[in-house]
């Protein structure tokens, strides 16, 4: 691996961690598009790599900070985490079977809808 690639990956990781910790979004919203743009990955590779990153407890430090401030409902976390595991298993099975162009369209559409909703809600 080249030093340039390592630096790009470190910057992507810092950016995803910072934005995820600040805004409470999944790192995949940052990691996936940046891996495609800067590392030349396919949609499948970028999504798989992003999921692989989440296997390591990267959110632990952010969760500790939010918990100390009283902003985590641990009862909700248990149900969300368990159901997230089930959903991620079936979602990944489907994603692997889809054409890369269709998968990219689905990912982009989800990002656009989320962005429009968040922007619209900021005026309420």
PDB file of N, CA and C in Angstrom:
ATOM      1  N   UNK A   1       0.843  -1.172   0.000  1.00  0.00           N
ATOM      2  CA  UNK A   1       0.000   0.000   0.000  1.00  0.00           C
ATOM      3  C   UNK A   1       0.892   1.241   0.000  1.00  0.00           C
ATOM      4  N   UNK A   2       0.521   2.207  -0.802  1.00  0.00           N
ATOM      5  CA  UNK A   2       1.297   3.445  -0.918  1.00  0.00           C
ATOM      6  C   UNK A   2       0.963   4.407   0.219  1.00  0.00           C
ATOM      7  N   UNK A   3       1.927   5.243   0.551  1.00  0.00           N
ATOM      8  CA  UNK A   3       1.745   6.234   1.608  1.00  0.00           C
ATOM      9  C   UNK A   3       0.572   7.152   1.284  1.00  0.00           C
ATOM     10  N   UNK A   4       0.423   7.520   0.018  1.00  0.00           N
ATOM     11  CA  UNK A   4      -0.676   8.390  -0.401  1.00  0.00           C
ATOM     12  C   UNK A   4      -2.030   7.739  -0.093  1.00  0.00           C
ATOM     13  N   UNK A   5      -2.148   6.448  -0.360  1.00  0.00           N
ATOM     14  CA  UNK A   5      -3.388   5.733  -0.077  1.00  0.00           C
ATOM     15  C   UNK A   5      -3.673   5.698   1.421  1.00  0.00           C
ATOM     16  N   UNK A   6      -2.640   5.469   2.200  1.00  0.00           N
ATOM     17  CA  UNK A   6      -2.800   5.431   3.659  1.00  0.00           C
ATOM     18  C   UNK A   6      -3.289   6.781   4.169  1.00  0.00           C
ATOM     19  N   UNK A   7      -2.694   7.854   3.663  1.00  0.00           N
ATOM     20  CA  UNK A   7      -3.092   9.200   4.090  1.00  0.00           C
ATOM     21  C   UNK A   7      -4.544   9.495   3.712  1.00  0.00           C
ATOM     22  N   UNK A   8      -4.941   9.104   2.507  1.00  0.00           N
ATOM     23  CA  UNK A   8      -6.329   9.308   2.073  1.00  0.00           C
ATOM     24  C   UNK A   8      -7.280   8.532   2.980  1.00  0.00           C
ATOM     25  N   UNK A   9      -6.946   7.279   3.271  1.00  0.00           N
ATOM     26  CA  UNK A   9      -7.801   6.460   4.141  1.00  0.00           C
ATOM     27  C   UNK A   9      -7.900   7.051   5.547  1.00  0.00           C
ATOM     28  N   UNK A  10      -6.777   7.542   6.064  1.00  0.00           N
ATOM     29  CA  UNK A  10      -6.782   8.157   7.391  1.00  0.00           C
ATOM     30  C   UNK A  10      -7.663   9.409   7.391  1.00  0.00           C
ATOM     31  N   UNK A  11      -7.556  10.226   6.348  1.00  0.00           N
ATOM     32  CA  UNK A  11      -8.393  11.431   6.255  1.00  0.00           C
ATOM     33  C   UNK A  11      -9.873  11.078   6.142  1.00  0.00           C
ATOM     34  N   UNK A  12     -10.189  10.061   5.336  1.00  0.00           N
ATOM     35  CA  UNK A  12     -11.579   9.614   5.221  1.00  0.00           C
ATOM     36  C   UNK A  12     -12.084   9.127   6.579  1.00  0.00           C
ATOM     37  N   UNK A  13     -11.266   8.352   7.285  1.00  0.00           N
ATOM     38  CA  UNK A  13     -11.653   7.845   8.599  1.00  0.00           C
ATOM     39  C   UNK A  13     -11.879   8.957   9.604  1.00  0.00           C
ATOM     40  N   UNK A  14     -10.991   9.938   9.625  1.00  0.00           N
ATOM     41  CA  UNK A  14     -11.140  11.063  10.555  1.00  0.00           C
ATOM     42  C   UNK A  14     -12.400  11.844  10.221  1.00  0.00           C
ATOM     43  N   UNK A  15     -12.622  12.100   8.926  1.00  0.00           N
ATOM     44  CA  UNK A  15     -13.800  12.849   8.506  1.00  0.00           C
ATOM     45  C   UNK A  15     -15.080  12.095   8.865  1.00  0.00           C
ATOM     46  N   UNK A  16     -15.114  10.792   8.585  1.00  0.00           N
ATOM     47  CA  UNK A  16     -16.305   9.989   8.890  1.00  0.00           C
ATOM     48  C   UNK A  16     -16.554   9.947  10.396  1.00  0.00           C
ATOM     49  N   UNK A  17     -15.503   9.773  11.172  1.00  0.00           N
ATOM     50  CA  UNK A  17     -15.636   9.746  12.627  1.00  0.00           C
ATOM     51  C   UNK A  17     -16.101  11.076  13.184  1.00  0.00           C
ATOM     52  N   UNK A  18     -15.533  12.152  12.678  1.00  0.00           N
ATOM     53  CA  UNK A  18     -15.897  13.487  13.159  1.00  0.00           C
ATOM     54  C   UNK A  18     -17.351  13.801  12.831  1.00  0.00           C
ATOM     55  N   UNK A  19     -17.727  13.603  11.562  1.00  0.00           N
ATOM     56  CA  UNK A  19     -19.094  13.907  11.143  1.00  0.00           C
ATOM     57  C   UNK A  19     -20.083  12.960  11.816  1.00  0.00           C
ATOM     58  N   UNK A  20     -19.724  11.674  11.933  1.00  0.00           N
ATOM     59  CA  UNK A  20     -20.589  10.716  12.611  1.00  0.00           C
ATOM     60  C   UNK A  20     -20.780  11.065  14.071  1.00  0.00           C
ATOM     61  N   UNK A  21     -19.697  11.413  14.738  1.00  0.00           N
ATOM     62  CA  UNK A  21     -19.782  11.785  16.150  1.00  0.00           C
ATOM     63  C   UNK A  21     -20.518  13.085  16.372  1.00  0.00           C
ATOM     64  N   UNK A  22     -20.384  14.028  15.427  1.00  0.00           N
ATOM     65  CA  UNK A  22     -21.012  15.330  15.555  1.00  0.00           C
ATOM     66  C   UNK A  22     -22.498  15.277  15.192  1.00  0.00           C
ATOM     67  N   UNK A  23     -22.818  14.583  14.103  1.00  0.00           N
ATOM     68  CA  UNK A  23     -24.186  14.621  13.575  1.00  0.00           C
ATOM     69  C   UNK A  23     -24.977  13.346  13.845  1.00  0.00           C
ATOM     70  N   UNK A  24     -24.333  12.312  14.381  1.00  0.00           N
ATOM     71  CA  UNK A  24     -25.038  11.078  14.680  1.00  0.00           C
ATOM     72  C   UNK A  24     -25.417  10.280  13.450  1.00  0.00           C
ATOM     73  N   UNK A  25     -24.696  10.486  12.352  1.00  0.00           N
ATOM     74  CA  UNK A  25     -24.985   9.731  11.129  1.00  0.00           C
ATOM     75  C   UNK A  25     -24.072   8.525  11.050  1.00  0.00           C
ATOM     76  N   UNK A  26     -24.478   7.571  10.280  1.00  0.00           N
ATOM     77  CA  UNK A  26     -23.623   6.413  10.053  1.00  0.00           C
ATOM     78  C   UNK A  26     -22.421   6.808   9.220  1.00  0.00           C
ATOM     79  N   UNK A  27     -21.284   6.275   9.563  1.00  0.00           N
ATOM     80  CA  UNK A  27     -20.063   6.594   8.836  1.00  0.00           C
ATOM     81  C   UNK A  27     -20.124   6.240   7.364  1.00  0.00           C
ATOM     82  N   UNK A  28     -20.992   5.298   7.001  1.00  0.00           N
ATOM     83  CA  UNK A  28     -21.121   4.887   5.608  1.00  0.00           C
ATOM     84  C   UNK A  28     -21.558   6.009   4.687  1.00  0.00           C
ATOM     85  N   UNK A  29     -22.304   6.976   5.211  1.00  0.00           N
ATOM     86  CA  UNK A  29     -22.715   8.117   4.387  1.00  0.00           C
ATOM     87  C   UNK A  29     -21.511   8.935   3.940  1.00  0.00           C
ATOM     88  N   UNK A  30     -20.457   8.881   4.703  1.00  0.00           N
ATOM     89  CA  UNK A  30     -19.231   9.591   4.352  1.00  0.00           C
ATOM     90  C   UNK A  30     -18.239   8.636   3.678  1.00  0.00           C
ATOM     91  N   UNK A  31     -18.056   7.474   4.258  1.00  0.00           N
ATOM     92  CA  UNK A  31     -17.029   6.541   3.798  1.00  0.00           C
ATOM     93  C   UNK A  31     -17.292   6.026   2.386  1.00  0.00           C
ATOM     94  N   UNK A  32     -18.517   5.591   2.116  1.00  0.00           N
ATOM     95  CA  UNK A  32     -18.812   4.962   0.824  1.00  0.00           C
ATOM     96  C   UNK A  32     -18.522   5.896  -0.354  1.00  0.00           C
ATOM     97  N   UNK A  33     -19.092   7.109  -0.390  1.00  0.00           N
ATOM     98  CA  UNK A  33     -18.812   7.961  -1.545  1.00  0.00           C
ATOM     99  C   UNK A  33     -17.327   8.339  -1.681  1.00  0.00           C
ATOM    100  N   UNK A  34     -16.661   8.538  -0.554  1.00  0.00           N
ATOM    101  CA  UNK A  34     -15.250   8.934  -0.616  1.00  0.00           C
ATOM    102  C   UNK A  34     -14.351   7.788  -1.075  1.00  0.00           C
ATOM    103  N   UNK A  35     -14.672   6.554  -0.681  1.00  0.00           N
ATOM    104  CA  UNK A  35     -13.890   5.410  -1.179  1.00  0.00           C
ATOM    105  C   UNK A  35     -14.060   5.251  -2.684  1.00  0.00           C
ATOM    106  N   UNK A  36     -15.252   5.520  -3.176  1.00  0.00           N
ATOM    107  CA  UNK A  36     -15.492   5.444  -4.623  1.00  0.00           C
ATOM    108  C   UNK A  36     -14.728   6.549  -5.337  1.00  0.00           C
ATOM    109  N   UNK A  37     -14.833   7.782  -4.826  1.00  0.00           N
ATOM    110  CA  UNK A  37     -14.202   8.936  -5.486  1.00  0.00           C
ATOM    111  C   UNK A  37     -12.678   8.901  -5.424  1.00  0.00           C
ATOM    112  N   UNK A  38     -12.134   8.613  -4.247  1.00  0.00           N
ATOM    113  CA  UNK A  38     -10.692   8.772  -4.056  1.00  0.00           C
ATOM    114  C   UNK A  38      -9.891   7.480  -4.112  1.00  0.00           C
ATOM    115  N   UNK A  39     -10.558   6.344  -3.901  1.00  0.00           N
ATOM    116  CA  UNK A  39      -9.829   5.077  -3.912  1.00  0.00           C
ATOM    117  C   UNK A  39     -10.199   4.204  -5.109  1.00  0.00           C
ATOM    118  N   UNK A  40     -11.128   4.685  -5.929  1.00  0.00           N
ATOM    119  CA  UNK A  40     -11.496   3.969  -7.138  1.00  0.00           C
ATOM    120  C   UNK A  40     -12.218   2.657  -6.903  1.00  0.00           C
ATOM    121  N   UNK A  41     -12.888   2.531  -5.765  1.00  0.00           N
ATOM    122  CA  UNK A  41     -13.598   1.293  -5.453  1.00  0.00           C
ATOM    123  C   UNK A  41     -14.935   1.241  -6.184  1.00  0.00           C
ATOM    124  N   UNK A  42     -15.442   0.030  -6.374  1.00  0.00           N
ATOM    125  CA  UNK A  42     -16.797  -0.139  -6.876  1.00  0.00           C
ATOM    126  C   UNK A  42     -17.760   0.120  -5.721  1.00  0.00           C
ATOM    127  N   UNK A  43     -19.039   0.261  -6.043  1.00  0.00           N
ATOM    128  CA  UNK A  43     -20.050   0.459  -5.006  1.00  0.00           C
ATOM    129  C   UNK A  43     -20.045  -0.708  -4.017  1.00  0.00           C
ATOM    130  N   UNK A  44     -19.969  -1.926  -4.551  1.00  0.00           N
ATOM    131  CA  UNK A  44     -19.948  -3.111  -3.672  1.00  0.00           C
ATOM    132  C   UNK A  44     -18.719  -3.104  -2.753  1.00  0.00           C
ATOM    133  N   UNK A  45     -17.555  -2.803  -3.321  1.00  0.00           N
ATOM    134  CA  UNK A  45     -16.322  -2.785  -2.521  1.00  0.00           C
ATOM    135  C   UNK A  45     -16.398  -1.717  -1.433  1.00  0.00           C
ATOM    136  N   UNK A  46     -16.893  -0.530  -1.808  1.00  0.00           N
ATOM    137  CA  UNK A  46     -16.965   0.571  -0.843  1.00  0.00           C
ATOM    138  C   UNK A  46     -17.935   0.248   0.285  1.00  0.00           C
ATOM    139  N   UNK A  47     -19.087  -0.322  -0.064  1.00  0.00           N
ATOM    140  CA  UNK A  47     -20.059  -0.671   0.977  1.00  0.00           C
ATOM    141  C   UNK A  47     -19.524  -1.783   1.867  1.00  0.00           C
ATOM    142  N   UNK A  48     -18.904  -2.779   1.273  1.00  0.00           N
ATOM    143  CA  UNK A  48     -18.329  -3.862   2.064  1.00  0.00           C
ATOM    144  C   UNK A  48     -17.230  -3.374   2.993  1.00  0.00           C
ATOM    145  N   UNK A  49     -16.372  -2.493   2.479  1.00  0.00           N
ATOM    146  CA  UNK A  49     -15.287  -1.943   3.293  1.00  0.00           C
ATOM    147  C   UNK A  49     -15.843  -1.096   4.430  1.00  0.00           C
ATOM    148  N   UNK A  50     -16.887  -0.322   4.140  1.00  0.00           N
ATOM    149  CA  UNK A  50     -17.513   0.502   5.168  1.00  0.00           C
ATOM    150  C   UNK A  50     -18.117  -0.374   6.267  1.00  0.00           C
ATOM    151  N   UNK A  51     -18.811  -1.422   5.881  1.00  0.00           N
ATOM    152  CA  UNK A  51     -19.386  -2.356   6.863  1.00  0.00           C
ATOM    153  C   UNK A  51     -18.267  -3.013   7.674  1.00  0.00           C
ATOM    154  N   UNK A  52     -17.187  -3.393   6.995  1.00  0.00           N
ATOM    155  CA  UNK A  52     -16.042  -3.980   7.687  1.00  0.00           C
ATOM    156  C   UNK A  52     -15.463  -3.041   8.730  1.00  0.00           C
ATOM    157  N   UNK A  53     -15.479  -1.755   8.430  1.00  0.00           N
ATOM    158  CA  UNK A  53     -14.985  -0.752   9.375  1.00  0.00           C
ATOM    159  C   UNK A  53     -15.860  -0.714  10.621  1.00  0.00           C
ATOM    160  N   UNK A  54     -17.155  -0.893  10.431  1.00  0.00           N
ATOM    161  CA  UNK A  54     -18.086  -0.814  11.556  1.00  0.00           C
ATOM    162  C   UNK A  54     -17.989  -2.005  12.490  1.00  0.00           C
ATOM    163  N   UNK A  55     -17.380  -3.098  12.003  1.00  0.00           N
ATOM    164  CA  UNK A  55     -17.229  -4.283  12.853  1.00  0.00           C
ATOM    165  C   UNK A  55     -16.373  -3.937  14.074  1.00  0.00           C
ATOM    166  N   UNK A  56     -15.371  -3.141  13.868  1.00  0.00           N
ATOM    167  CA  UNK A  56     -14.516  -2.683  14.974  1.00  0.00           C
ATOM    168  C   UNK A  56     -15.318  -1.624  15.736  1.00  0.00           C
ATOM    169  N   UNK A  57     -15.253  -1.609  17.033  1.00  0.00           N
ATOM    170  CA  UNK A  57     -16.102  -0.682  17.795  1.00  0.00           C
ATOM    171  C   UNK A  57     -15.639   0.770  17.673  1.00  0.00           C
ATOM    172  N   UNK A  58     -15.748   1.315  16.451  1.00  0.00           N
ATOM    173  CA  UNK A  58     -15.282   2.682  16.210  1.00  0.00           C
ATOM    174  C   UNK A  58     -16.117   3.735  16.911  1.00  0.00           C
ATOM    175  N   UNK A  59     -17.375   3.409  17.153  1.00  0.00           N
ATOM    176  CA  UNK A  59     -18.252   4.407  17.759  1.00  0.00           C
ATOM    177  C   UNK A  59     -18.169   4.416  19.280  1.00  0.00           C
ATOM    178  N   UNK A  60     -17.348   3.557  19.845  1.00  0.00           N
ATOM    179  CA  UNK A  60     -17.293   3.419  21.296  1.00  0.00           C
ATOM    180  C   UNK A  60     -16.998   4.741  22.011  1.00  0.00           C
ATOM    181  N   UNK A  61     -15.996   5.470  21.559  1.00  0.00           N
ATOM    182  CA  UNK A  61     -15.628   6.711  22.246  1.00  0.00           C
ATOM    183  C   UNK A  61     -16.729   7.758  22.131  1.00  0.00           C
ATOM    184  N   UNK A  62     -17.350   7.852  20.941  1.00  0.00           N
ATOM    185  CA  UNK A  62     -18.454   8.798  20.780  1.00  0.00           C
ATOM    186  C   UNK A  62     -19.623   8.391  21.667  1.00  0.00           C
ATOM    187  N   UNK A  63     -19.919   7.087  21.742  1.00  0.00           N
ATOM    188  CA  UNK A  63     -21.019   6.608  22.586  1.00  0.00           C
ATOM    189  C   UNK A  63     -20.744   6.918  24.057  1.00  0.00           C
ATOM    190  N   UNK A  64     -19.508   6.783  24.479  1.00  0.00           N
ATOM    191  CA  UNK A  64     -19.152   7.104  25.872  1.00  0.00           C
ATOM    192  C   UNK A  64     -19.438   8.573  26.161  1.00  0.00           C
ATOM    193  N   UNK A  65     -19.031   9.453  25.222  1.00  0.00           N
ATOM    194  CA  UNK A  65     -19.286  10.891  25.411  1.00  0.00           C
ATOM    195  C   UNK A  65     -20.775  11.198  25.489  1.00  0.00           C
ATOM    196  N   UNK A  66     -21.553  10.619  24.568  1.00  0.00           N
ATOM    197  CA  UNK A  66     -22.995  10.855  24.583  1.00  0.00           C
ATOM    198  C   UNK A  66     -23.636  10.271  25.835  1.00  0.00           C
ATOM    199  N   UNK A  67     -23.169   9.117  26.276  1.00  0.00           N
ATOM    200  CA  UNK A  67     -23.717   8.486  27.472  1.00  0.00           C
ATOM    201  C   UNK A  67     -23.428   9.323  28.715  1.00  0.00           C
ATOM    202  N   UNK A  68     -22.211   9.810  28.827  1.00  0.00           N
ATOM    203  CA  UNK A  68     -21.844  10.651  29.974  1.00  0.00           C
ATOM    204  C   UNK A  68     -22.719  11.900  30.050  1.00  0.00           C
ATOM    205  N   UNK A  69     -23.119  12.405  28.875  1.00  0.00           N
ATOM    206  CA  UNK A  69     -23.967  13.598  28.834  1.00  0.00           C
ATOM    207  C   UNK A  69     -25.444  13.253  29.002  1.00  0.00           C
ATOM    208  N   UNK A  70     -25.756  11.958  29.131  1.00  0.00           N
ATOM    209  CA  UNK A  70     -27.133  11.539  29.343  1.00  0.00           C
ATOM    210  C   UNK A  70     -27.976  11.468  28.079  1.00  0.00           C
ATOM    211  N   UNK A  71     -27.334  11.323  26.927  1.00  0.00           N
ATOM    212  CA  UNK A  71     -28.050  11.355  25.655  1.00  0.00           C
ATOM    213  C   UNK A  71     -28.238   9.995  25.001  1.00  0.00           C
ATOM    214  N   UNK A  72     -28.048   8.913  25.716  1.00  0.00           N
ATOM    215  CA  UNK A  72     -28.276   7.591  25.138  1.00  0.00           C
ATOM    216  C   UNK A  72     -29.345   6.878  25.949  1.00  0.00           C
ATOM    217  N   UNK A  73     -30.359   6.384  25.238  1.00  0.00           N
ATOM    218  CA  UNK A  73     -31.397   5.570  25.860  1.00  0.00           C
ATOM    219  C   UNK A  73     -30.973   4.123  25.645  1.00  0.00           C
ATOM    220  N   UNK A  74     -30.352   3.508  26.651  1.00  0.00           N
ATOM    221  CA  UNK A  74     -29.768   2.174  26.511  1.00  0.00           C
ATOM    222  C   UNK A  74     -30.819   1.094  26.262  1.00  0.00           C
ATOM    223  N   UNK A  75     -32.031   1.313  26.753  1.00  0.00           N
ATOM    224  CA  UNK A  75     -33.103   0.347  26.470  1.00  0.00           C
ATOM    225  C   UNK A  75     -33.395   0.323  24.963  1.00  0.00           C
ATOM    226  N   UNK A  76     -33.441   1.494  24.354  1.00  0.00           N
ATOM    227  CA  UNK A  76     -33.665   1.571  22.906  1.00  0.00           C
ATOM    228  C   UNK A  76     -32.488   0.960  22.157  1.00  0.00           C
ATOM    229  N   UNK A  77     -31.278   1.207  22.643  1.00  0.00           N
ATOM    230  CA  UNK A  77     -30.073   0.695  21.981  1.00  0.00           C
ATOM    231  C   UNK A  77     -30.126  -0.823  21.843  1.00  0.00           C
ATOM    232  N   UNK A  78     -30.556  -1.517  22.888  1.00  0.00           N
ATOM    233  CA  UNK A  78     -30.603  -2.985  22.852  1.00  0.00           C
ATOM    234  C   UNK A  78     -31.492  -3.464  21.708  1.00  0.00           C
ATOM    235  N   UNK A  79     -32.704  -2.919  21.612  1.00  0.00           N
ATOM    236  CA  UNK A  79     -33.628  -3.352  20.563  1.00  0.00           C
ATOM    237  C   UNK A  79     -33.143  -2.932  19.172  1.00  0.00           C
ATOM    238  N   UNK A  80     -32.628  -1.716  19.079  1.00  0.00           N
ATOM    239  CA  UNK A  80     -32.121  -1.249  17.783  1.00  0.00           C
ATOM    240  C   UNK A  80     -30.930  -2.084  17.322  1.00  0.00           C
ATOM    241  N   UNK A  81     -30.007  -2.367  18.229  1.00  0.00           N
ATOM    242  CA  UNK A  81     -28.806  -3.117  17.856  1.00  0.00           C
ATOM    243  C   UNK A  81     -29.141  -4.533  17.412  1.00  0.00           C
ATOM    244  N   UNK A  82     -30.010  -5.200  18.154  1.00  0.00           N
ATOM    245  CA  UNK A  82     -30.374  -6.569  17.784  1.00  0.00           C
ATOM    246  C   UNK A  82     -31.115  -6.611  16.449  1.00  0.00           C
ATOM    247  N   UNK A  83     -32.060  -5.698  16.259  1.00  0.00           N
ATOM    248  CA  UNK A  83     -32.796  -5.690  14.998  1.00  0.00           C
ATOM    249  C   UNK A  83     -31.927  -5.193  13.850  1.00  0.00           C
ATOM    250  N   UNK A  84     -30.985  -4.305  14.136  1.00  0.00           N
ATOM    251  CA  UNK A  84     -30.029  -3.839  13.127  1.00  0.00           C
ATOM    252  C   UNK A  84     -29.202  -5.007  12.596  1.00  0.00           C
ATOM    253  N   UNK A  85     -28.819  -5.899  13.497  1.00  0.00           N
ATOM    254  CA  UNK A  85     -28.040  -7.074  13.084  1.00  0.00           C
ATOM    255  C   UNK A  85     -28.824  -7.926  12.101  1.00  0.00           C
ATOM    256  N   UNK A  86     -30.090  -8.157  12.390  1.00  0.00           N
ATOM    257  CA  UNK A  86     -30.936  -8.956  11.496  1.00  0.00           C
ATOM    258  C   UNK A  86     -31.098  -8.244  10.154  1.00  0.00           C
ATOM    259  N   UNK A  87     -31.436  -6.965  10.205  1.00  0.00           N
ATOM    260  CA  UNK A  87     -31.617  -6.193   8.977  1.00  0.00           C
ATOM    261  C   UNK A  87     -30.355  -6.119   8.136  1.00  0.00           C
ATOM    262  N   UNK A  88     -29.206  -5.954   8.785  1.00  0.00           N
ATOM    263  CA  UNK A  88     -27.949  -5.841   8.041  1.00  0.00           C
ATOM    264  C   UNK A  88     -27.584  -7.153   7.356  1.00  0.00           C
ATOM    265  N   UNK A  89     -27.942  -8.270   7.976  1.00  0.00           N
ATOM    266  CA  UNK A  89     -27.670  -9.568   7.357  1.00  0.00           C
ATOM    267  C   UNK A  89     -28.445  -9.701   6.054  1.00  0.00           C
ATOM    268  N   UNK A  90     -29.758  -9.446   6.113  1.00  0.00           N
ATOM    269  CA  UNK A  90     -30.581  -9.598   4.919  1.00  0.00           C
ATOM    270  C   UNK A  90     -30.309  -8.493   3.894  1.00  0.00           C
ATOM    271  N   UNK A  91     -30.035  -7.283   4.368  1.00  0.00           N
ATOM    272  CA  UNK A  91     -29.707  -6.186   3.452  1.00  0.00           C
ATOM    273  C   UNK A  91     -28.429  -6.447   2.683  1.00  0.00           C
ATOM    274  N   UNK A  92     -27.429  -7.003   3.354  1.00  0.00           N
ATOM    275  CA  UNK A  92     -26.160  -7.297   2.682  1.00  0.00           C
ATOM    276  C   UNK A  92     -26.330  -8.425   1.668  1.00  0.00           C
ATOM    277  N   UNK A  93     -27.169  -9.421   2.002  1.00  0.00           N
ATOM    278  CA  UNK A  93     -27.433 -10.514   1.056  1.00  0.00           C
ATOM    279  C   UNK A  93     -28.060  -9.956  -0.222  1.00  0.00           C
ATOM    280  N   UNK A  94     -29.024  -9.041  -0.072  1.00  0.00           N
ATOM    281  CA  UNK A  94     -29.666  -8.430  -1.232  1.00  0.00           C
ATOM    282  C   UNK A  94     -28.672  -7.576  -2.013  1.00  0.00           C
ATOM    283  N   UNK A  95     -27.899  -6.732  -1.315  1.00  0.00           N
ATOM    284  CA  UNK A  95     -26.961  -5.826  -1.984  1.00  0.00           C
ATOM    285  C   UNK A  95     -25.942  -6.581  -2.821  1.00  0.00           C
ATOM    286  N   UNK A  96     -25.454  -7.684  -2.308  1.00  0.00           N
ATOM    287  CA  UNK A  96     -24.459  -8.478  -3.027  1.00  0.00           C
ATOM    288  C   UNK A  96     -25.035  -9.011  -4.334  1.00  0.00           C
ATOM    289  N   UNK A  97     -26.323  -9.274  -4.357  1.00  0.00           N
ATOM    290  CA  UNK A  97     -26.946  -9.854  -5.547  1.00  0.00           C
ATOM    291  C   UNK A  97     -27.332  -8.806  -6.597  1.00  0.00           C
ATOM    292  N   UNK A  98     -27.296  -7.522  -6.244  1.00  0.00           N
ATOM    293  CA  UNK A  98     -27.715  -6.473  -7.166  1.00  0.00           C
ATOM    294  C   UNK A  98     -26.584  -6.028  -8.085  1.00  0.00           C
ATOM    295  N   UNK A  99     -26.958  -5.534  -9.254  1.00  0.00           N
ATOM    296  CA  UNK A  99     -26.019  -4.926 -10.185  1.00  0.00           C
ATOM    297  C   UNK A  99     -25.427  -3.665  -9.546  1.00  0.00           C
ATOM    298  N   UNK A 100     -24.154  -3.409  -9.792  1.00  0.00           N
ATOM    299  CA  UNK A 100     -23.465  -2.274  -9.158  1.00  0.00           C
ATOM    300  C   UNK A 100     -24.127  -0.935  -9.496  1.00  0.00           C
ATOM    301  N   UNK A 101     -24.591  -0.755 -10.722  1.00  0.00           N
ATOM    302  CA  UNK A 101     -25.239   0.508 -11.098  1.00  0.00           C
ATOM    303  C   UNK A 101     -26.544   0.718 -10.333  1.00  0.00           C
ATOM    304  N   UNK A 102     -27.326  -0.351 -10.199  1.00  0.00           N
ATOM    305  CA  UNK A 102     -28.572  -0.250  -9.446  1.00  0.00           C
ATOM    306  C   UNK A 102     -28.286   0.037  -7.974  1.00  0.00           C
ATOM    307  N   UNK A 103     -27.301  -0.631  -7.424  1.00  0.00           N
ATOM    308  CA  UNK A 103     -26.930  -0.421  -6.030  1.00  0.00           C
ATOM    309  C   UNK A 103     -26.492   1.026  -5.800  1.00  0.00           C
ATOM    310  N   UNK A 104     -25.738   1.575  -6.720  1.00  0.00           N
ATOM    311  CA  UNK A 104     -25.294   2.959  -6.613  1.00  0.00           C
ATOM    312  C   UNK A 104     -26.490   3.914  -6.676  1.00  0.00           C
ATOM    313  N   UNK A 105     -27.447   3.626  -7.538  1.00  0.00           N
ATOM    314  CA  UNK A 105     -28.650   4.464  -7.634  1.00  0.00           C
ATOM    315  C   UNK A 105     -29.452   4.420  -6.334  1.00  0.00           C
ATOM    316  N   UNK A 106     -29.592   3.239  -5.770  1.00  0.00           N
ATOM    317  CA  UNK A 106     -30.328   3.099  -4.512  1.00  0.00           C
ATOM    318  C   UNK A 106     -29.629   3.888  -3.407  1.00  0.00           C
ATOM    319  N   UNK A 107     -28.322   3.724  -3.294  1.00  0.00           N
ATOM    320  CA  UNK A 107     -27.545   4.435  -2.269  1.00  0.00           C
ATOM    321  C   UNK A 107     -27.683   5.948  -2.453  1.00  0.00           C
ATOM    322  N   UNK A 108     -27.524   6.421  -3.677  1.00  0.00           N
ATOM    323  CA  UNK A 108     -27.632   7.854  -3.963  1.00  0.00           C
ATOM    324  C   UNK A 108     -29.017   8.397  -3.654  1.00  0.00           C
ATOM    325  N   UNK A 109     -30.043   7.644  -3.994  1.00  0.00           N
ATOM    326  CA  UNK A 109     -31.417   8.070  -3.728  1.00  0.00           C
ATOM    327  C   UNK A 109     -31.661   8.205  -2.230  1.00  0.00           C
ATOM    328  N   UNK A 110     -31.179   7.247  -1.466  1.00  0.00           N
ATOM    329  CA  UNK A 110     -31.330   7.321  -0.007  1.00  0.00           C
ATOM    330  C   UNK A 110     -30.627   8.564   0.535  1.00  0.00           C
ATOM    331  N   UNK A 111     -29.444   8.851   0.033  1.00  0.00           N
ATOM    332  CA  UNK A 111     -28.705  10.034   0.490  1.00  0.00           C
ATOM    333  C   UNK A 111     -29.452  11.324   0.138  1.00  0.00           C
ATOM    334  N   UNK A 112     -30.009  11.394  -1.079  1.00  0.00           N
ATOM    335  CA  UNK A 112     -30.737  12.592  -1.508  1.00  0.00           C
ATOM    336  C   UNK A 112     -31.982  12.796  -0.657  1.00  0.00           C
ATOM    337  N   UNK A 113     -32.753  11.728  -0.451  1.00  0.00           N
ATOM    338  CA  UNK A 113     -33.971  11.834   0.357  1.00  0.00           C
ATOM    339  C   UNK A 113     -33.631  12.280   1.781  1.00  0.00           C
ATOM    340  N   UNK A 114     -32.604  11.678   2.357  1.00  0.00           N
ATOM    341  CA  UNK A 114     -32.201  12.056   3.724  1.00  0.00           C
ATOM    342  C   UNK A 114     -31.756  13.513   3.775  1.00  0.00           C
ATOM    343  N   UNK A 115     -31.000  13.953   2.781  1.00  0.00           N
ATOM    344  CA  UNK A 115     -30.515  15.332   2.757  1.00  0.00           C
ATOM    345  C   UNK A 115     -31.670  16.323   2.622  1.00  0.00           C
ATOM    346  N   UNK A 116     -32.615  16.034   1.736  1.00  0.00           N
ATOM    347  CA  UNK A 116     -33.760  16.927   1.548  1.00  0.00           C
ATOM    348  C   UNK A 116     -34.593  17.007   2.828  1.00  0.00           C
ATOM    349  N   UNK A 117     -34.848  15.866   3.445  1.00  0.00           N
ATOM    350  CA  UNK A 117     -35.644  15.858   4.677  1.00  0.00           C
ATOM    351  C   UNK A 117     -34.942  16.629   5.788  1.00  0.00           C
ATOM    352  N   UNK A 118     -33.659  16.411   5.960  1.00  0.00           N
ATOM    353  CA  UNK A 118     -32.934  17.122   7.017  1.00  0.00           C
ATOM    354  C   UNK A 118     -32.898  18.617   6.744  1.00  0.00           C
ATOM    355  N   UNK A 119     -32.675  18.993   5.497  1.00  0.00           N
ATOM    356  CA  UNK A 119     -32.644  20.414   5.137  1.00  0.00           C
ATOM    357  C   UNK A 119     -34.009  21.030   5.390  1.00  0.00           C
ATOM    358  N   UNK A 120     -35.081  20.375   4.940  1.00  0.00           N
ATOM    359  CA  UNK A 120     -36.445  20.884   5.113  1.00  0.00           C
ATOM    360  C   UNK A 120     -36.781  21.008   6.604  1.00  0.00           C
ATOM    361  N   UNK A 121     -36.450  19.998   7.390  1.00  0.00           N
ATOM    362  CA  UNK A 121     -36.746  20.023   8.821  1.00  0.00           C
ATOM    363  C   UNK A 121     -35.991  21.112   9.567  1.00  0.00           C
ATOM    364  N   UNK A 122     -34.880  21.582   9.027  1.00  0.00           N
ATOM    365  CA  UNK A 122     -34.101  22.621   9.717  1.00  0.00           C
ATOM    366  C   UNK A 122     -34.829  23.968   9.753  1.00  0.00           C
ATOM    367  N   UNK A 123     -35.882  24.130   8.936  1.00  0.00           N
ATOM    368  CA  UNK A 123     -36.650  25.368   8.916  1.00  0.00           C
ATOM    369  C   UNK A 123     -37.842  25.344   9.871  1.00  0.00           C
ATOM    370  N   UNK A 124     -38.089  24.196  10.496  1.00  0.00           N
ATOM    371  CA  UNK A 124     -39.246  24.090  11.415  1.00  0.00           C
ATOM    372  C   UNK A 124     -38.934  24.718  12.750  1.00  0.00           C
TER     373      UNK A 124
END
